[in-house]
Amino acid sequence: MKVDYPGWAIGFIICLIFCSIIWIPIIAFLRWRGYLSYTSVDSASKKGPTNSYVA
C-alpha cells in the first residue's frame, strides 16, 4: 500500500489536470459562442458580463 497510494494519487492529479486542460477551452469557447444558457441570456439582454449570473 505504501507504493500504490502515491502512484494512484499522482495519476489522479494528472488526470484532473489533463481533464481541466481539455475542458477549460471548450467551456470558454461555448461561453464565447453563447451556447451556455446564462451567456445567451446575457448577450440577448445586452448587459455586461458581471450581470450574467444575477438573473
N, C-alpha and C. Protein backbone atom coordinates (compact mmCIF):
# COMPACT_ATOMS: atom_id res chain seq x y z
N MET A 1 0.83 -1.21 0.00
CA MET A 1 0.00 0.00 0.00
C MET A 1 0.86 1.26 0.00
N LYS A 2 2.07 1.16 0.54
CA LYS A 2 2.93 2.35 0.55
C LYS A 2 3.32 2.75 -0.87
N VAL A 3 3.49 1.75 -1.74
CA VAL A 3 3.94 2.06 -3.10
C VAL A 3 2.75 2.45 -3.97
N ASP A 4 1.59 1.83 -3.74
CA ASP A 4 0.45 2.04 -4.62
C ASP A 4 -0.22 3.40 -4.39
N TYR A 5 -0.26 3.86 -3.14
CA TYR A 5 -1.03 5.07 -2.85
C TYR A 5 -0.44 6.32 -3.51
N PRO A 6 0.87 6.59 -3.43
CA PRO A 6 1.39 7.79 -4.10
C PRO A 6 1.21 7.73 -5.62
N GLY A 7 1.39 6.56 -6.21
CA GLY A 7 1.20 6.44 -7.65
C GLY A 7 -0.23 6.71 -8.04
N TRP A 8 -1.19 6.22 -7.23
CA TRP A 8 -2.60 6.46 -7.54
C TRP A 8 -2.94 7.94 -7.37
N ALA A 9 -2.40 8.56 -6.33
CA ALA A 9 -2.68 9.98 -6.09
C ALA A 9 -2.09 10.84 -7.21
N ILE A 10 -0.87 10.53 -7.64
CA ILE A 10 -0.24 11.29 -8.71
C ILE A 10 -1.01 11.10 -10.02
N GLY A 11 -1.43 9.88 -10.29
CA GLY A 11 -2.21 9.63 -11.50
C GLY A 11 -3.54 10.35 -11.49
N PHE A 12 -4.16 10.41 -10.30
CA PHE A 12 -5.45 11.10 -10.18
C PHE A 12 -5.28 12.60 -10.40
N ILE A 13 -4.21 13.17 -9.85
CA ILE A 13 -3.95 14.60 -10.02
C ILE A 13 -3.65 14.91 -11.48
N ILE A 14 -2.86 14.04 -12.12
CA ILE A 14 -2.55 14.24 -13.54
C ILE A 14 -3.82 14.16 -14.37
N CYS A 15 -4.72 13.25 -14.02
CA CYS A 15 -5.98 13.12 -14.76
C CYS A 15 -6.83 14.38 -14.58
N LEU A 16 -6.87 14.91 -13.35
CA LEU A 16 -7.63 16.14 -13.13
C LEU A 16 -7.05 17.30 -13.92
N ILE A 17 -5.72 17.41 -13.94
CA ILE A 17 -5.08 18.49 -14.68
C ILE A 17 -5.35 18.32 -16.18
N PHE A 18 -5.24 17.08 -16.65
CA PHE A 18 -5.44 16.82 -18.08
C PHE A 18 -6.88 17.13 -18.48
N CYS A 19 -7.84 16.71 -17.64
CA CYS A 19 -9.25 16.97 -17.95
C CYS A 19 -9.54 18.46 -17.91
N SER A 20 -8.95 19.18 -16.96
CA SER A 20 -9.20 20.62 -16.88
C SER A 20 -8.59 21.34 -18.07
N ILE A 21 -7.43 20.87 -18.54
CA ILE A 21 -6.81 21.48 -19.72
C ILE A 21 -7.71 21.28 -20.94
N ILE A 22 -8.39 20.13 -21.02
CA ILE A 22 -9.28 19.89 -22.15
C ILE A 22 -10.56 20.71 -22.02
N TRP A 23 -11.15 20.75 -20.81
CA TRP A 23 -12.50 21.32 -20.68
C TRP A 23 -12.51 22.83 -20.57
N ILE A 24 -11.44 23.45 -20.04
CA ILE A 24 -11.45 24.91 -19.87
C ILE A 24 -11.59 25.64 -21.21
N PRO A 25 -10.82 25.28 -22.27
CA PRO A 25 -11.04 25.95 -23.55
C PRO A 25 -12.40 25.65 -24.17
N ILE A 26 -12.91 24.43 -23.95
CA ILE A 26 -14.23 24.09 -24.51
C ILE A 26 -15.31 24.93 -23.84
N ILE A 27 -15.26 25.04 -22.51
CA ILE A 27 -16.25 25.83 -21.79
C ILE A 27 -16.13 27.30 -22.16
N ALA A 28 -14.89 27.78 -22.28
CA ALA A 28 -14.69 29.18 -22.66
C ALA A 28 -15.20 29.43 -24.08
N PHE A 29 -15.00 28.47 -24.97
CA PHE A 29 -15.50 28.61 -26.34
C PHE A 29 -17.02 28.61 -26.37
N LEU A 30 -17.64 27.73 -25.58
CA LEU A 30 -19.09 27.68 -25.54
C LEU A 30 -19.66 28.96 -24.94
N ARG A 31 -18.99 29.50 -23.94
CA ARG A 31 -19.46 30.77 -23.36
C ARG A 31 -19.33 31.89 -24.39
N TRP A 32 -18.21 31.88 -25.16
CA TRP A 32 -17.99 32.94 -26.14
C TRP A 32 -19.00 32.84 -27.28
N ARG A 33 -19.33 31.63 -27.69
CA ARG A 33 -20.29 31.45 -28.77
C ARG A 33 -21.72 31.65 -28.28
N GLY A 34 -21.94 31.62 -26.97
CA GLY A 34 -23.28 31.84 -26.42
C GLY A 34 -24.11 30.58 -26.35
N TYR A 35 -23.45 29.40 -26.30
CA TYR A 35 -24.21 28.16 -26.22
C TYR A 35 -24.65 27.85 -24.80
N LEU A 36 -23.97 28.42 -23.81
CA LEU A 36 -24.42 28.22 -22.43
C LEU A 36 -25.56 29.17 -22.12
N SER A 37 -26.48 28.73 -21.29
CA SER A 37 -27.77 29.42 -21.14
C SER A 37 -27.60 30.83 -20.61
N TYR A 38 -26.81 31.01 -19.53
CA TYR A 38 -26.74 32.34 -18.92
C TYR A 38 -26.01 33.32 -19.83
N THR A 39 -25.08 32.81 -20.67
CA THR A 39 -24.37 33.71 -21.57
C THR A 39 -25.30 34.14 -22.72
N SER A 40 -26.15 33.24 -23.20
CA SER A 40 -27.04 33.60 -24.29
C SER A 40 -28.10 34.59 -23.81
N VAL A 41 -28.55 34.41 -22.56
CA VAL A 41 -29.50 35.37 -21.99
C VAL A 41 -28.82 36.71 -21.81
N ASP A 42 -27.56 36.68 -21.38
CA ASP A 42 -26.82 37.92 -21.16
C ASP A 42 -26.57 38.65 -22.48
N SER A 43 -26.21 37.93 -23.52
CA SER A 43 -25.93 38.56 -24.80
C SER A 43 -27.23 39.07 -25.43
N ALA A 44 -28.35 38.41 -25.14
CA ALA A 44 -29.62 38.85 -25.70
C ALA A 44 -30.10 40.12 -25.00
N SER A 45 -29.80 40.24 -23.70
CA SER A 45 -30.26 41.41 -22.95
C SER A 45 -29.27 42.56 -23.03
N LYS A 46 -28.11 42.34 -23.68
CA LYS A 46 -27.10 43.38 -23.90
C LYS A 46 -26.54 43.93 -22.59
N LYS A 47 -26.47 43.08 -21.57
CA LYS A 47 -25.89 43.52 -20.30
C LYS A 47 -24.42 43.14 -20.26
N GLY A 48 -23.72 43.64 -19.23
CA GLY A 48 -22.31 43.35 -19.08
C GLY A 48 -22.10 41.94 -18.58
N PRO A 49 -20.88 41.43 -18.64
CA PRO A 49 -20.59 40.07 -18.18
C PRO A 49 -20.78 39.91 -16.68
N THR A 50 -20.76 41.02 -15.92
CA THR A 50 -20.93 40.91 -14.47
C THR A 50 -22.39 40.67 -14.11
N ASN A 51 -23.31 40.98 -15.02
CA ASN A 51 -24.73 40.80 -14.74
C ASN A 51 -25.26 39.48 -15.27
N SER A 52 -24.39 38.64 -15.82
CA SER A 52 -24.87 37.43 -16.47
C SER A 52 -25.38 36.42 -15.45
N TYR A 53 -24.78 36.38 -14.25
CA TYR A 53 -25.20 35.38 -13.27
C TYR A 53 -26.12 35.96 -12.22
N VAL A 54 -26.61 37.17 -12.42
CA VAL A 54 -27.53 37.77 -11.45
C VAL A 54 -28.94 37.30 -11.72
N ALA A 55 -29.36 37.35 -12.96
CA ALA A 55 -30.74 37.00 -13.31
C ALA A 55 -30.91 35.49 -13.26
